[in-house]
């Protein structure tokens, strides 16, 4: 009886390990977990000046969340042209569909100082959606309007590991 219980306990423990490993592989199946850096900008910039002033971005991707930070020029008219600032947003995984991962913003954007980062998603305080996929070794990140998921993205970045 003791051997049977010991064997059953070992089998149960092995089953738990295998289930945990499978869940980990599934959660990290996209290969995008880690830190990604690059520039971000409007998909359709409304002027050549804005198109040149792309913000720097960093996405730290875990199995179920993304922390996005941006650094760039302020969008405030009262600031000097060279003034820069930072902002941050957090996103939670909603679903994975095909090769895409879909996220929704958690809470409001965190903006340093008085101004927002021009040409970055934290211009919108609290209703940003994000979808990501790997493209040729880079992470494509499309940021859009949470309330209109069918609309094309407003901002896009192709980020490298960093």
N, C-alpha and C. Protein backbone atom coordinates (compact mmCIF):
# COMPACT_ATOMS: atom_id res chain seq x y z
N UNK A 1 0.83 -1.20 0.00
CA UNK A 1 0.00 0.00 0.00
C UNK A 1 0.86 1.25 0.00
N UNK A 2 1.96 1.25 0.79
CA UNK A 2 2.85 2.39 0.87
C UNK A 2 3.51 2.69 -0.47
N UNK A 3 3.93 1.63 -1.18
CA UNK A 3 4.56 1.81 -2.50
C UNK A 3 3.57 2.41 -3.49
N UNK A 4 2.30 1.95 -3.42
CA UNK A 4 1.28 2.44 -4.32
C UNK A 4 1.01 3.93 -4.09
N UNK A 5 0.95 4.35 -2.82
CA UNK A 5 0.76 5.77 -2.51
C UNK A 5 1.95 6.60 -2.96
N UNK A 6 3.14 6.06 -2.75
CA UNK A 6 4.34 6.77 -3.17
C UNK A 6 4.35 6.93 -4.70
N UNK A 7 3.99 5.87 -5.42
CA UNK A 7 3.94 5.90 -6.87
C UNK A 7 2.86 6.88 -7.35
N UNK A 8 1.71 6.88 -6.69
CA UNK A 8 0.62 7.80 -7.05
C UNK A 8 1.05 9.25 -6.79
N UNK A 9 1.74 9.50 -5.70
CA UNK A 9 2.24 10.84 -5.39
C UNK A 9 3.26 11.31 -6.41
N UNK A 10 4.14 10.42 -6.81
CA UNK A 10 5.14 10.75 -7.83
C UNK A 10 4.47 11.05 -9.16
N UNK A 11 3.47 10.25 -9.52
CA UNK A 11 2.74 10.47 -10.77
C UNK A 11 2.01 11.81 -10.74
N UNK A 12 1.40 12.14 -9.61
CA UNK A 12 0.69 13.42 -9.48
C UNK A 12 1.66 14.59 -9.59
N UNK A 13 2.81 14.47 -8.95
CA UNK A 13 3.81 15.54 -9.01
C UNK A 13 4.33 15.70 -10.44
N UNK A 14 4.57 14.60 -11.13
CA UNK A 14 5.03 14.66 -12.51
C UNK A 14 3.99 15.29 -13.42
N UNK A 15 2.72 14.97 -13.19
CA UNK A 15 1.64 15.56 -13.96
C UNK A 15 1.61 17.07 -13.76
N UNK A 16 1.77 17.54 -12.53
CA UNK A 16 1.78 18.98 -12.24
C UNK A 16 2.94 19.67 -12.95
N UNK A 17 4.11 19.04 -12.94
CA UNK A 17 5.27 19.61 -13.62
C UNK A 17 5.02 19.71 -15.12
N UNK A 18 4.45 18.67 -15.71
CA UNK A 18 4.18 18.68 -17.14
C UNK A 18 3.13 19.73 -17.51
N UNK A 19 2.08 19.87 -16.70
CA UNK A 19 1.07 20.89 -16.95
C UNK A 19 1.65 22.29 -16.84
N UNK A 20 2.48 22.52 -15.85
CA UNK A 20 3.11 23.83 -15.68
C UNK A 20 4.03 24.14 -16.86
N UNK A 21 4.77 23.15 -17.32
CA UNK A 21 5.66 23.35 -18.47
C UNK A 21 4.85 23.66 -19.72
N UNK A 22 3.76 22.94 -19.92
CA UNK A 22 2.91 23.18 -21.09
C UNK A 22 2.30 24.58 -21.04
N UNK A 23 1.85 25.01 -19.88
CA UNK A 23 1.29 26.36 -19.73
C UNK A 23 2.34 27.42 -20.00
N UNK A 24 3.55 27.18 -19.54
CA UNK A 24 4.64 28.12 -19.78
C UNK A 24 4.96 28.23 -21.26
N UNK A 25 5.01 27.10 -21.95
CA UNK A 25 5.28 27.11 -23.39
C UNK A 25 4.16 27.83 -24.12
N UNK A 26 2.90 27.57 -23.72
CA UNK A 26 1.77 28.22 -24.37
C UNK A 26 1.80 29.72 -24.13
N UNK A 27 2.10 30.14 -22.90
CA UNK A 27 2.12 31.56 -22.58
C UNK A 27 3.24 32.28 -23.31
N UNK A 28 4.33 31.59 -23.56
CA UNK A 28 5.48 32.21 -24.22
C UNK A 28 5.59 31.76 -25.67
N UNK A 29 4.52 31.20 -26.21
CA UNK A 29 4.56 30.63 -27.55
C UNK A 29 4.92 31.62 -28.64
N UNK A 30 4.70 32.90 -28.45
CA UNK A 30 4.99 33.86 -29.50
C UNK A 30 6.47 34.23 -29.53
N UNK A 31 7.25 33.91 -28.52
CA UNK A 31 8.67 34.23 -28.51
C UNK A 31 8.95 35.70 -28.30
N UNK A 32 7.94 36.46 -27.90
CA UNK A 32 8.14 37.90 -27.77
C UNK A 32 8.48 38.36 -26.36
N UNK A 33 8.59 37.45 -25.40
CA UNK A 33 8.89 37.82 -24.02
C UNK A 33 10.29 38.41 -23.97
N UNK A 34 10.42 39.55 -23.29
CA UNK A 34 11.71 40.22 -23.17
C UNK A 34 11.56 41.71 -23.36
N UNK A 35 12.67 42.38 -23.58
CA UNK A 35 12.70 43.83 -23.74
C UNK A 35 12.95 44.18 -25.21
N UNK A 36 12.17 45.12 -25.73
CA UNK A 36 12.23 45.53 -27.13
C UNK A 36 12.38 47.04 -27.21
N UNK A 37 13.25 47.55 -28.09
CA UNK A 37 13.48 48.99 -28.19
C UNK A 37 13.45 49.44 -29.65
N UNK A 38 13.16 50.72 -29.84
CA UNK A 38 13.16 51.30 -31.19
C UNK A 38 12.42 52.62 -31.17
N UNK A 39 11.96 53.04 -32.34
CA UNK A 39 11.20 54.28 -32.43
C UNK A 39 9.76 53.96 -32.81
N UNK A 40 8.89 54.91 -32.48
CA UNK A 40 7.46 54.76 -32.76
C UNK A 40 6.97 56.05 -33.39
N UNK A 41 5.96 55.94 -34.21
CA UNK A 41 5.39 57.14 -34.81
C UNK A 41 3.99 56.87 -35.33
N UNK A 42 3.36 57.94 -35.80
CA UNK A 42 2.05 57.80 -36.40
C UNK A 42 2.14 56.95 -37.65
N UNK A 43 1.13 56.12 -37.89
CA UNK A 43 1.08 55.33 -39.10
C UNK A 43 0.94 56.27 -40.31
N UNK A 44 0.11 57.30 -40.17
CA UNK A 44 -0.08 58.31 -41.21
C UNK A 44 0.20 59.68 -40.61
N UNK A 45 1.49 60.09 -40.56
CA UNK A 45 1.82 61.39 -39.96
C UNK A 45 1.13 62.52 -40.72
N UNK A 46 0.68 63.51 -39.96
CA UNK A 46 -0.07 64.60 -40.59
C UNK A 46 0.82 65.73 -41.07
N UNK A 47 2.14 65.62 -40.87
CA UNK A 47 3.06 66.60 -41.42
C UNK A 47 4.46 66.01 -41.48
N UNK A 48 5.33 66.50 -42.38
CA UNK A 48 6.70 66.00 -42.45
C UNK A 48 7.49 66.27 -41.16
N UNK A 49 7.15 67.36 -40.47
CA UNK A 49 7.85 67.70 -39.22
C UNK A 49 7.55 66.64 -38.17
N UNK A 50 6.29 66.27 -38.03
CA UNK A 50 5.89 65.25 -37.06
C UNK A 50 6.52 63.91 -37.43
N UNK A 51 6.57 63.61 -38.72
CA UNK A 51 7.14 62.33 -39.17
C UNK A 51 8.61 62.20 -38.77
N UNK A 52 9.35 63.30 -38.74
CA UNK A 52 10.78 63.28 -38.38
C UNK A 52 11.00 63.20 -36.87
N UNK A 53 10.02 63.56 -36.08
CA UNK A 53 10.18 63.65 -34.63
C UNK A 53 9.64 62.41 -33.93
N UNK A 54 10.04 61.24 -34.38
CA UNK A 54 9.56 59.98 -33.80
C UNK A 54 10.06 59.84 -32.37
N UNK A 55 9.24 59.26 -31.54
CA UNK A 55 9.60 59.03 -30.13
C UNK A 55 10.37 57.72 -30.00
N UNK A 56 11.20 57.63 -28.97
CA UNK A 56 11.87 56.37 -28.63
C UNK A 56 10.93 55.55 -27.77
N UNK A 57 10.91 54.25 -27.99
CA UNK A 57 10.02 53.38 -27.22
C UNK A 57 10.74 52.16 -26.69
N UNK A 58 10.25 51.66 -25.56
CA UNK A 58 10.73 50.41 -24.98
C UNK A 58 9.50 49.65 -24.50
N UNK A 59 9.38 48.40 -24.94
CA UNK A 59 8.31 47.52 -24.47
C UNK A 59 8.96 46.37 -23.72
N UNK A 60 8.53 46.19 -22.48
CA UNK A 60 8.98 45.04 -21.68
C UNK A 60 7.81 44.08 -21.64
N UNK A 61 7.98 42.94 -22.31
CA UNK A 61 6.90 41.98 -22.52
C UNK A 61 7.08 40.80 -21.59
N UNK A 62 6.02 40.50 -20.81
CA UNK A 62 5.99 39.27 -20.00
C UNK A 62 4.93 38.36 -20.63
N UNK A 63 4.65 37.25 -19.99
CA UNK A 63 3.69 36.30 -20.55
C UNK A 63 2.28 36.89 -20.67
N UNK A 64 1.91 37.82 -19.77
CA UNK A 64 0.54 38.34 -19.77
C UNK A 64 0.43 39.86 -19.75
N UNK A 65 1.55 40.58 -19.72
CA UNK A 65 1.50 42.04 -19.64
C UNK A 65 2.62 42.67 -20.46
N UNK A 66 2.43 43.95 -20.78
CA UNK A 66 3.47 44.76 -21.41
C UNK A 66 3.55 46.09 -20.68
N UNK A 67 4.77 46.49 -20.37
CA UNK A 67 5.01 47.83 -19.84
C UNK A 67 5.70 48.60 -20.96
N UNK A 68 5.07 49.67 -21.41
CA UNK A 68 5.60 50.48 -22.50
C UNK A 68 6.07 51.83 -21.95
N UNK A 69 7.27 52.24 -22.31
CA UNK A 69 7.77 53.56 -21.94
C UNK A 69 8.22 54.28 -23.21
N UNK A 70 7.99 55.59 -23.23
CA UNK A 70 8.31 56.40 -24.39
C UNK A 70 9.06 57.65 -23.95
N UNK A 71 9.98 58.10 -24.80
CA UNK A 71 10.75 59.31 -24.53
C UNK A 71 10.84 60.07 -25.84
N UNK A 72 10.53 61.36 -25.79
CA UNK A 72 10.58 62.14 -27.02
C UNK A 72 10.27 63.60 -26.76
N UNK A 73 10.04 64.32 -27.83
CA UNK A 73 9.73 65.74 -27.74
C UNK A 73 8.36 65.94 -27.11
N UNK A 74 8.20 67.05 -26.41
CA UNK A 74 6.88 67.35 -25.85
C UNK A 74 6.00 67.89 -26.98
N UNK A 75 4.73 67.74 -26.80
CA UNK A 75 3.80 68.25 -27.80
C UNK A 75 3.25 69.61 -27.43
N UNK A 76 3.83 70.24 -26.40
CA UNK A 76 3.30 71.51 -25.90
C UNK A 76 3.87 72.70 -26.67
N UNK A 77 3.00 73.59 -27.09
CA UNK A 77 3.43 74.79 -27.82
C UNK A 77 4.29 75.71 -26.96
N UNK A 78 4.05 75.72 -25.65
CA UNK A 78 4.78 76.65 -24.77
C UNK A 78 6.18 76.15 -24.42
N UNK A 79 6.51 74.91 -24.76
CA UNK A 79 7.84 74.36 -24.49
C UNK A 79 8.81 74.72 -25.61
N UNK A 80 10.11 74.81 -25.29
CA UNK A 80 11.10 75.00 -26.36
C UNK A 80 11.03 73.82 -27.34
N UNK A 81 11.42 74.05 -28.57
CA UNK A 81 11.35 73.03 -29.62
C UNK A 81 12.16 71.79 -29.23
N UNK A 82 13.22 71.98 -28.45
CA UNK A 82 14.08 70.85 -28.08
C UNK A 82 13.66 70.15 -26.78
N UNK A 83 12.57 70.60 -26.14
CA UNK A 83 12.14 70.02 -24.85
C UNK A 83 11.70 68.56 -25.04
N UNK A 84 12.12 67.72 -24.10
CA UNK A 84 11.80 66.28 -24.16
C UNK A 84 11.15 65.86 -22.85
N UNK A 85 10.39 64.77 -22.91
CA UNK A 85 9.72 64.24 -21.73
C UNK A 85 9.53 62.73 -21.88
N UNK A 86 8.96 62.11 -20.86
CA UNK A 86 8.72 60.66 -20.89
C UNK A 86 7.29 60.34 -20.46
N UNK A 87 6.85 59.15 -20.82
CA UNK A 87 5.56 58.66 -20.36
C UNK A 87 5.60 57.13 -20.36
N UNK A 88 4.62 56.54 -19.67
CA UNK A 88 4.57 55.07 -19.57
C UNK A 88 3.12 54.61 -19.59
N UNK A 89 2.92 53.39 -20.11
CA UNK A 89 1.61 52.76 -20.13
C UNK A 89 1.78 51.28 -19.82
N UNK A 90 0.74 50.69 -19.26
CA UNK A 90 0.75 49.25 -19.01
C UNK A 90 -0.42 48.61 -19.72
N UNK A 91 -0.19 47.41 -20.23
CA UNK A 91 -1.19 46.68 -21.00
C UNK A 91 -1.31 45.25 -20.48
N UNK A 92 -2.53 44.72 -20.51
CA UNK A 92 -2.78 43.33 -20.10
C UNK A 92 -3.24 42.53 -21.31
N UNK A 93 -2.73 41.30 -21.41
CA UNK A 93 -3.09 40.41 -22.51
C UNK A 93 -4.59 40.09 -22.46
N UNK A 94 -5.25 40.22 -23.60
CA UNK A 94 -6.67 39.89 -23.73
C UNK A 94 -6.83 38.53 -24.41
N UNK A 95 -6.09 38.34 -25.52
CA UNK A 95 -6.18 37.07 -26.24
C UNK A 95 -5.02 36.94 -27.20
N UNK A 96 -4.81 35.72 -27.65
CA UNK A 96 -3.88 35.43 -28.74
C UNK A 96 -4.72 34.84 -29.88
N UNK A 97 -4.49 35.35 -31.07
CA UNK A 97 -5.25 34.89 -32.22
C UNK A 97 -4.28 34.77 -33.40
N UNK A 98 -4.05 33.54 -33.83
CA UNK A 98 -3.05 33.33 -34.88
C UNK A 98 -1.68 33.74 -34.36
N UNK A 99 -0.99 34.57 -35.11
CA UNK A 99 0.33 35.02 -34.68
C UNK A 99 0.28 36.34 -33.89
N UNK A 100 -0.90 36.89 -33.68
CA UNK A 100 -1.06 38.17 -32.99
C UNK A 100 -1.41 37.98 -31.51
N UNK A 101 -0.91 38.89 -30.69
CA UNK A 101 -1.30 38.99 -29.28
C UNK A 101 -2.00 40.33 -29.11
N UNK A 102 -3.17 40.33 -28.45
CA UNK A 102 -3.98 41.54 -28.28
C UNK A 102 -3.99 41.96 -26.81
N UNK A 103 -3.79 43.25 -26.57
CA UNK A 103 -3.71 43.80 -25.22
C UNK A 103 -4.63 45.01 -25.09
N UNK A 104 -5.03 45.30 -23.85
CA UNK A 104 -5.77 46.53 -23.57
C UNK A 104 -5.06 47.27 -22.44
N UNK A 105 -5.13 48.58 -22.49
CA UNK A 105 -4.45 49.41 -21.50
C UNK A 105 -5.04 49.21 -20.12
N UNK A 106 -4.17 49.19 -19.10
CA UNK A 106 -4.57 49.11 -17.70
C UNK A 106 -4.39 50.50 -17.10
N UNK A 107 -5.45 51.09 -16.61
CA UNK A 107 -5.35 52.41 -15.97
C UNK A 107 -5.00 53.50 -16.97
N UNK A 108 -4.47 54.60 -16.43
CA UNK A 108 -4.13 55.75 -17.26
C UNK A 108 -2.65 55.80 -17.58
N UNK A 109 -2.31 56.56 -18.61
CA UNK A 109 -0.91 56.79 -18.94
C UNK A 109 -0.26 57.59 -17.82
N UNK A 110 1.02 57.31 -17.57
CA UNK A 110 1.79 58.04 -16.57
C UNK A 110 2.70 59.01 -17.31
N UNK A 111 2.44 60.30 -17.16
CA UNK A 111 3.17 61.32 -17.90
C UNK A 111 4.05 62.10 -16.94
N UNK A 112 5.34 62.21 -17.27
CA UNK A 112 6.27 62.99 -16.45
C UNK A 112 6.10 64.47 -16.79
N UNK A 113 6.06 65.32 -15.77
CA UNK A 113 5.94 66.75 -16.01
C UNK A 113 4.57 67.13 -16.51
N UNK A 114 4.52 68.23 -17.26
CA UNK A 114 3.25 68.79 -17.71
C UNK A 114 2.84 68.36 -19.11
N UNK A 115 3.78 67.89 -19.92
CA UNK A 115 3.47 67.62 -21.31
C UNK A 115 3.47 66.15 -21.65
N UNK A 116 2.90 65.84 -22.78
CA UNK A 116 2.87 64.46 -23.26
C UNK A 116 4.02 64.27 -24.25
N UNK A 117 4.30 63.03 -24.60
CA UNK A 117 5.32 62.74 -25.60
C UNK A 117 4.65 62.78 -26.96
N UNK A 118 5.11 63.71 -27.78
CA UNK A 118 4.56 63.85 -29.13
C UNK A 118 4.84 62.59 -29.93
N UNK A 119 3.87 62.16 -30.70
CA UNK A 119 4.05 61.02 -31.60
C UNK A 119 4.12 59.69 -30.86
N UNK A 120 3.53 59.60 -29.67
CA UNK A 120 3.52 58.36 -28.89
C UNK A 120 2.09 58.08 -28.40
N UNK A 121 1.76 56.82 -28.15
CA UNK A 121 0.39 56.45 -27.76
C UNK A 121 -0.09 57.07 -26.46
N UNK A 122 0.81 57.52 -25.59
CA UNK A 122 0.33 58.09 -24.33
C UNK A 122 -0.23 59.49 -24.49
N UNK A 123 -0.33 59.96 -25.74
CA UNK A 123 -1.11 61.18 -25.99
C UNK A 123 -2.56 60.92 -25.57
N UNK A 124 -2.99 59.67 -25.72
CA UNK A 124 -4.32 59.25 -25.30
C UNK A 124 -4.18 58.66 -23.90
N UNK A 125 -4.89 59.21 -22.93
CA UNK A 125 -4.64 58.83 -21.53
C UNK A 125 -5.04 57.42 -21.16
N UNK A 126 -6.21 56.94 -21.61
CA UNK A 126 -6.68 55.69 -20.99
C UNK A 126 -7.43 54.72 -21.88
N UNK A 127 -7.41 54.87 -23.16
CA UNK A 127 -8.17 53.91 -23.98
C UNK A 127 -7.38 53.47 -25.21
N UNK A 128 -6.22 52.89 -24.94
CA UNK A 128 -5.36 52.43 -26.02
C UNK A 128 -5.38 50.91 -26.08
N UNK A 129 -5.44 50.39 -27.30
CA UNK A 129 -5.29 48.95 -27.51
C UNK A 129 -3.92 48.74 -28.15
N UNK A 130 -3.42 47.53 -28.02
CA UNK A 130 -2.11 47.19 -28.56
C UNK A 130 -2.17 45.77 -29.09
N UNK A 131 -1.61 45.57 -30.28
CA UNK A 131 -1.47 44.21 -30.78
C UNK A 131 -0.03 44.05 -31.25
N UNK A 132 0.53 42.86 -31.00
CA UNK A 132 1.92 42.61 -31.33
C UNK A 132 2.06 41.30 -32.10
N UNK A 133 3.13 41.23 -32.89
CA UNK A 133 3.50 40.01 -33.58
C UNK A 133 4.98 40.11 -33.94
N UNK A 134 5.61 38.97 -34.14
CA UNK A 134 7.00 38.96 -34.58
C UNK A 134 7.05 38.99 -36.11
N UNK A 135 7.90 39.86 -36.65
CA UNK A 135 8.08 39.99 -38.09
C UNK A 135 9.57 40.04 -38.38
N UNK A 136 10.11 38.96 -38.93
CA UNK A 136 11.52 38.94 -39.29
C UNK A 136 12.46 39.26 -38.15
N UNK A 137 12.19 38.76 -36.96
CA UNK A 137 13.06 38.99 -35.81
C UNK A 137 12.78 40.28 -35.06
N UNK A 138 11.85 41.09 -35.56
CA UNK A 138 11.47 42.32 -34.86
C UNK A 138 10.06 42.16 -34.31
N UNK A 139 9.76 42.96 -33.29
CA UNK A 139 8.42 42.97 -32.72
C UNK A 139 7.65 44.12 -33.35
N UNK A 140 6.58 43.79 -34.06
CA UNK A 140 5.70 44.82 -34.60
C UNK A 140 4.66 45.13 -33.53
N UNK A 141 4.53 46.40 -33.20
CA UNK A 141 3.56 46.84 -32.20
C UNK A 141 2.64 47.88 -32.83
N UNK A 142 1.36 47.57 -32.90
CA UNK A 142 0.35 48.49 -33.43
C UNK A 142 -0.51 48.98 -32.28
N UNK A 143 -0.56 50.29 -32.09
CA UNK A 143 -1.35 50.91 -31.03
C UNK A 143 -2.55 51.59 -31.67
N UNK A 144 -3.74 51.37 -31.09
CA UNK A 144 -4.95 51.96 -31.65
C UNK A 144 -5.94 52.35 -30.58
N UNK A 145 -7.16 52.60 -31.03
CA UNK A 145 -8.23 53.04 -30.14
C UNK A 145 -8.96 51.82 -29.59
N UNK A 146 -8.98 51.70 -28.27
CA UNK A 146 -9.63 50.57 -27.61
C UNK A 146 -11.11 50.49 -27.95
N UNK A 147 -11.76 51.63 -28.15
CA UNK A 147 -13.20 51.64 -28.39
C UNK A 147 -13.56 51.41 -29.85
N UNK A 148 -12.56 51.34 -30.74
CA UNK A 148 -12.82 51.07 -32.15
C UNK A 148 -11.77 50.09 -32.67
N UNK A 149 -11.85 48.82 -32.23
CA UNK A 149 -10.82 47.84 -32.59
C UNK A 149 -10.73 47.55 -34.08
N UNK A 150 -11.77 47.85 -34.85
CA UNK A 150 -11.74 47.61 -36.29
C UNK A 150 -10.97 48.70 -37.04
N UNK A 151 -10.75 49.82 -36.38
CA UNK A 151 -10.04 50.93 -37.03
C UNK A 151 -8.56 50.59 -37.21
N UNK A 152 -7.92 51.15 -38.24
CA UNK A 152 -6.49 50.91 -38.41
C UNK A 152 -5.71 51.53 -37.24
N UNK A 153 -4.50 51.02 -36.98
CA UNK A 153 -3.73 51.56 -35.85
C UNK A 153 -3.32 53.01 -36.10
N UNK A 154 -3.20 53.76 -35.00
CA UNK A 154 -2.76 55.14 -35.10
C UNK A 154 -1.23 55.25 -35.04
N UNK A 155 -0.59 54.38 -34.23
CA UNK A 155 0.86 54.39 -34.07
C UNK A 155 1.39 53.00 -34.37
N UNK A 156 2.65 52.94 -34.88
CA UNK A 156 3.26 51.65 -35.18
C UNK A 156 4.75 51.72 -34.86
N UNK A 157 5.28 50.60 -34.39
CA UNK A 157 6.72 50.49 -34.14
C UNK A 157 7.19 49.11 -34.57
N UNK A 158 8.41 49.05 -35.09
CA UNK A 158 9.11 47.80 -35.35
C UNK A 158 10.32 47.84 -34.42
N UNK A 159 10.29 47.02 -33.38
CA UNK A 159 11.28 47.09 -32.30
C UNK A 159 12.25 45.93 -32.36
N UNK A 160 13.49 46.17 -31.94
CA UNK A 160 14.51 45.12 -31.88
C UNK A 160 14.72 44.75 -30.42
N UNK A 161 15.25 43.56 -30.20
CA UNK A 161 15.54 43.14 -28.81
C UNK A 161 16.54 44.09 -28.20
N UNK A 162 16.34 44.39 -26.95
CA UNK A 162 17.29 45.30 -26.29
C UNK A 162 17.04 45.37 -24.88
